Amino acid sequence: MAESEDAYEPETGPGRGQGSGAGFGEGAGRRARSRTRSSGSPSSSRAEKGEPRDPVEQARNICLRLLTGTPRTRKQLADALRKREIPDEAAEEVLSRFEDVGLIDDAAFAGAWVESRHHGRGLARRALVRELRTKGVDSTLIDEAVGQLDSEQEGATARELVARKLRSTRGLDRDKRLRRLAGMLARKGYGEGMALRVVRQALEEEGEDTEGLDEPF
């Protein structure tokens, strides 16, 4: 999933951009303001946008923005904070606090991911494990999440996937049908043995001769 970090709305207040003080004339003030506007540093950019200077508050705002409507893992948020050059200490403080109050919950994220991606996309356990690893979910939490899927459930889903795809392979020779259907299952994380059994059963039900299809493909 690409992560979006929108610019924050600028805060308004009296006296922004107005310099004063002993020996600081109007011309000098204009030059100072010009240098500030032309600075490319992250801190000056954030100041112009009205973002808070406190890194903890910056981290908090970034995390809240990213979590709006979209659950994310701790690693995803940590990566986003690092990209925005938030100091590690401030990032750690905010991330730990968000975990304490339940705004970050990698276990719940993993469980919901498995439920959605298996039933919505038909992904098998192997594919789900790969995806959750890329999200930075701990291996123990991944095992617990994918453990809700057993071989029987995977087999049922694989049969549904093949049944939906079967019609589009009619007219092809048997070996091409086999490769196309088995390849579809493989891309979704199903093992070779299960894919072969499911495809062979589907072809037999259509009257195909499946002799010799016990061989690995």
Protein backbone atom coordinates (compact mmCIF):
# COMPACT_ATOMS: atom_id res chain seq x y z
CA MET A 1 0.00 0.00 0.00
CA ALA A 2 1.75 3.91 -1.03
CA GLU A 3 1.51 6.20 1.90
CA SER A 4 0.28 9.72 1.58
CA GLU A 5 1.48 12.54 3.78
CA ASP A 6 -0.51 15.65 2.96
CA ALA A 7 0.71 19.10 3.79
CA TYR A 8 -0.75 20.47 6.98
CA GLU A 9 -3.05 23.49 7.03
CA PRO A 10 -1.13 26.64 7.95
CA GLU A 11 -1.86 28.27 11.28
CA THR A 12 -2.51 32.00 11.33
CA GLY A 13 -1.59 34.43 14.03
CA PRO A 14 -0.68 38.08 14.64
CA GLY A 15 2.74 39.35 13.77
CA ARG A 16 3.88 36.52 11.46
CA GLY A 17 6.86 37.70 9.44
CA GLN A 18 7.24 41.00 11.38
CA GLY A 19 10.76 41.49 12.76
CA SER A 20 11.61 44.16 15.35
CA GLY A 21 14.40 44.99 17.81
CA ALA A 22 17.33 47.33 18.41
CA GLY A 23 19.41 47.95 15.32
CA PHE A 24 17.06 45.90 13.17
CA GLY A 25 15.78 48.33 10.56
CA GLU A 26 13.02 47.78 8.04
CA GLY A 27 15.47 46.98 5.24
CA ALA A 28 17.30 44.44 7.36
CA GLY A 29 13.99 42.92 8.35
CA ARG A 30 13.02 42.47 4.71
CA ARG A 31 16.38 40.86 3.94
CA ALA A 32 16.05 38.50 6.90
CA ARG A 33 12.57 37.50 5.87
CA SER A 34 13.75 36.94 2.32
CA ARG A 35 16.51 34.63 3.53
CA THR A 36 13.99 32.71 5.65
CA ARG A 37 11.63 32.25 2.70
CA SER A 38 14.43 31.09 0.41
CA SER A 39 15.78 28.56 2.91
CA GLY A 40 15.26 24.98 1.77
CA SER A 41 15.71 23.41 5.20
CA PRO A 42 12.89 21.17 6.53
CA SER A 43 12.53 23.28 9.66
CA SER A 44 11.97 26.51 7.74
CA SER A 45 9.56 24.76 5.39
CA ARG A 46 7.57 23.40 8.32
CA ALA A 47 7.53 26.80 9.99
CA GLU A 48 6.14 28.43 6.84
CA LYS A 49 3.39 25.82 6.69
CA GLY A 50 2.44 26.50 10.29
CA GLU A 51 3.51 23.08 11.57
CA PRO A 52 4.51 22.84 15.23
CA ARG A 53 8.22 23.13 16.00
CA ASP A 54 8.09 20.51 18.74
CA PRO A 55 9.16 17.21 17.10
CA VAL A 56 6.85 15.20 19.38
CA GLU A 57 3.89 17.28 18.28
CA GLN A 58 4.99 16.98 14.65
CA ALA A 59 5.21 13.20 15.01
CA ARG A 60 1.80 13.06 16.64
CA ASN A 61 0.19 15.08 13.84
CA ILE A 62 1.80 12.97 11.12
CA CYS A 63 0.65 9.71 12.72
CA LEU A 64 -2.89 10.95 13.26
CA ARG A 65 -3.06 12.11 9.65
CA LEU A 66 -1.85 8.75 8.33
CA LEU A 67 -4.15 6.76 10.59
CA THR A 68 -7.27 8.63 9.52
CA GLY A 69 -9.46 5.98 7.95
CA THR A 70 -6.53 3.61 7.29
CA PRO A 71 -4.99 1.30 9.91
CA ARG A 72 -1.20 1.09 9.68
CA THR A 73 1.52 -0.90 11.37
CA ARG A 74 4.07 0.58 13.72
CA LYS A 75 6.80 0.09 11.12
CA GLN A 76 4.82 1.90 8.44
CA LEU A 77 4.39 4.88 10.74
CA ALA A 78 8.02 4.76 11.88
CA ASP A 79 9.15 4.81 8.24
CA ALA A 80 6.91 7.80 7.56
CA LEU A 81 8.32 9.71 10.55
CA ARG A 82 11.87 8.92 9.48
CA LYS A 83 11.10 10.19 6.00
CA ARG A 84 9.87 13.44 7.52
CA GLU A 85 13.13 13.69 9.52
CA ILE A 86 11.49 13.35 12.91
CA PRO A 87 14.16 12.57 15.56
CA ASP A 88 14.20 8.93 16.65
CA GLU A 89 13.55 9.79 20.29
CA ALA A 90 10.43 11.82 19.47
CA ALA A 91 9.19 9.14 17.06
CA GLU A 92 9.65 6.40 19.64
CA GLU A 93 7.77 8.39 22.28
CA VAL A 94 4.77 8.97 20.03
CA LEU A 95 4.67 5.46 18.59
CA SER A 96 4.83 3.88 22.04
CA ARG A 97 2.09 6.17 23.29
CA PHE A 98 -0.12 5.32 20.31
CA GLU A 99 0.40 1.62 21.01
CA ASP A 100 -0.54 2.11 24.66
CA VAL A 101 -3.87 3.69 23.75
CA GLY A 102 -4.61 1.23 20.93
CA LEU A 103 -4.19 3.54 17.96
CA ILE A 104 -1.43 1.21 16.76
CA ASP A 105 -2.28 -2.49 17.04
CA ASP A 106 -0.21 -4.74 14.80
CA ALA A 107 -2.04 -7.88 15.95
CA ALA A 108 -5.42 -6.44 14.98
CA PHE A 109 -3.95 -5.12 11.75
CA ALA A 110 -2.62 -8.57 10.82
CA GLY A 111 -5.91 -10.30 11.64
CA ALA A 112 -7.94 -7.84 9.58
CA TRP A 113 -5.44 -8.05 6.72
CA VAL A 114 -5.72 -11.84 6.55
CA GLU A 115 -9.50 -11.71 6.68
CA SER A 116 -9.74 -9.09 3.95
CA ARG A 117 -7.08 -10.39 1.58
CA HIS A 118 -8.11 -14.03 1.81
CA HIS A 119 -11.83 -13.50 1.32
CA GLY A 120 -11.46 -10.51 -1.00
CA ARG A 121 -8.52 -11.61 -3.16
CA GLY A 122 -8.33 -15.34 -2.43
CA LEU A 123 -4.75 -15.16 -1.18
CA ALA A 124 -3.30 -18.24 0.51
CA ARG A 125 -1.33 -18.27 3.73
CA ARG A 126 2.05 -18.12 2.01
CA ALA A 127 1.15 -14.94 0.12
CA LEU A 128 -0.37 -13.38 3.22
CA VAL A 129 2.80 -14.04 5.21
CA ARG A 130 4.88 -12.30 2.55
CA GLU A 131 2.61 -9.27 2.52
CA LEU A 132 2.54 -8.90 6.30
CA ARG A 133 6.30 -9.13 6.46
CA THR A 134 6.58 -6.21 4.06
CA LYS A 135 4.32 -4.26 6.44
CA GLY A 136 6.77 -4.88 9.27
CA VAL A 137 4.51 -7.12 11.35
CA ASP A 138 6.30 -9.32 13.87
CA SER A 139 6.63 -13.00 12.89
CA THR A 140 4.74 -14.18 15.97
CA LEU A 141 1.79 -11.95 15.14
CA ILE A 142 1.87 -13.10 11.53
CA ASP A 143 1.73 -16.74 12.60
CA GLU A 144 -1.24 -16.02 14.85
CA ALA A 145 -3.06 -14.15 12.09
CA VAL A 146 -2.59 -16.69 9.31
CA GLY A 147 -3.36 -19.46 11.77
CA GLN A 148 -7.03 -18.60 11.41
CA LEU A 149 -6.84 -20.17 7.93
CA ASP A 150 -6.55 -23.95 7.78
CA SER A 151 -5.94 -26.25 4.81
CA GLU A 152 -9.65 -26.92 4.45
CA GLN A 153 -10.45 -23.23 4.12
CA GLU A 154 -7.59 -22.72 1.67
CA GLY A 155 -8.80 -25.65 -0.42
CA ALA A 156 -12.33 -24.29 -0.56
CA THR A 157 -11.09 -20.89 -1.66
CA ALA A 158 -8.79 -22.42 -4.28
CA ARG A 159 -11.73 -24.35 -5.74
CA GLU A 160 -13.79 -21.18 -5.93
CA LEU A 161 -10.98 -19.38 -7.73
CA VAL A 162 -10.58 -22.18 -10.27
CA ALA A 163 -14.34 -22.42 -10.84
CA ARG A 164 -14.48 -18.72 -11.70
CA LYS A 165 -11.52 -18.97 -14.06
CA LEU A 166 -12.43 -22.30 -15.67
CA ARG A 167 -14.82 -20.97 -18.29
CA SER A 168 -12.22 -18.65 -19.80
CA THR A 169 -9.91 -21.61 -20.43
CA ARG A 170 -12.40 -23.65 -22.42
CA GLY A 171 -11.19 -24.30 -25.95
CA LEU A 172 -7.56 -24.57 -24.88
CA ASP A 173 -5.81 -27.91 -24.78
CA ARG A 174 -5.58 -29.65 -21.45
CA ASP A 175 -1.96 -28.76 -20.67
CA LYS A 176 -2.52 -25.07 -21.37
CA ARG A 177 -5.58 -25.08 -19.14
CA LEU A 178 -3.56 -26.75 -16.43
CA ARG A 179 -0.74 -24.23 -16.62
CA ARG A 180 -3.06 -21.26 -16.70
CA LEU A 181 -5.19 -22.39 -13.77
CA ALA A 182 -2.30 -23.67 -11.68
CA GLY A 183 -0.31 -20.52 -12.41
CA MET A 184 -3.19 -18.38 -11.16
CA LEU A 185 -3.24 -20.31 -7.88
CA ALA A 186 0.54 -20.16 -7.54
CA ARG A 187 0.51 -16.36 -7.86
CA LYS A 188 -1.95 -16.26 -4.98
CA GLY A 189 0.34 -18.31 -2.79
CA TYR A 190 -1.09 -21.82 -3.12
CA GLY A 191 1.35 -24.69 -3.01
CA GLU A 192 2.01 -26.91 -6.00
CA GLY A 193 0.38 -29.98 -4.49
CA MET A 194 -2.87 -28.26 -3.60
CA ALA A 195 -3.02 -26.42 -6.92
CA LEU A 196 -2.59 -29.63 -8.88
CA ARG A 197 -5.29 -31.44 -6.92
CA VAL A 198 -7.79 -28.62 -7.26
CA VAL A 199 -7.17 -28.09 -10.98
CA ARG A 200 -7.27 -31.81 -11.74
CA GLN A 201 -10.58 -32.19 -9.93
CA ALA A 202 -12.07 -29.23 -11.84
CA LEU A 203 -10.92 -30.61 -15.19
CA GLU A 204 -12.25 -34.08 -14.40
CA GLU A 205 -15.66 -32.61 -13.59
CA GLU A 206 -15.66 -31.10 -17.09
CA GLY A 207 -14.83 -34.47 -18.62
CA GLU A 208 -11.15 -33.83 -19.33
CA ASP A 209 -8.78 -36.78 -19.36
CA THR A 210 -6.46 -36.11 -16.44
CA GLU A 211 -4.24 -39.15 -16.80
CA GLY A 212 -0.62 -38.15 -16.17
CA LEU A 213 -1.53 -35.00 -14.29
CA ASP A 214 -0.11 -36.43 -11.10
CA GLU A 215 3.27 -35.19 -12.32
CA PRO A 216 4.53 -31.92 -10.85
CA PHE A 217 3.89 -29.06 -13.24
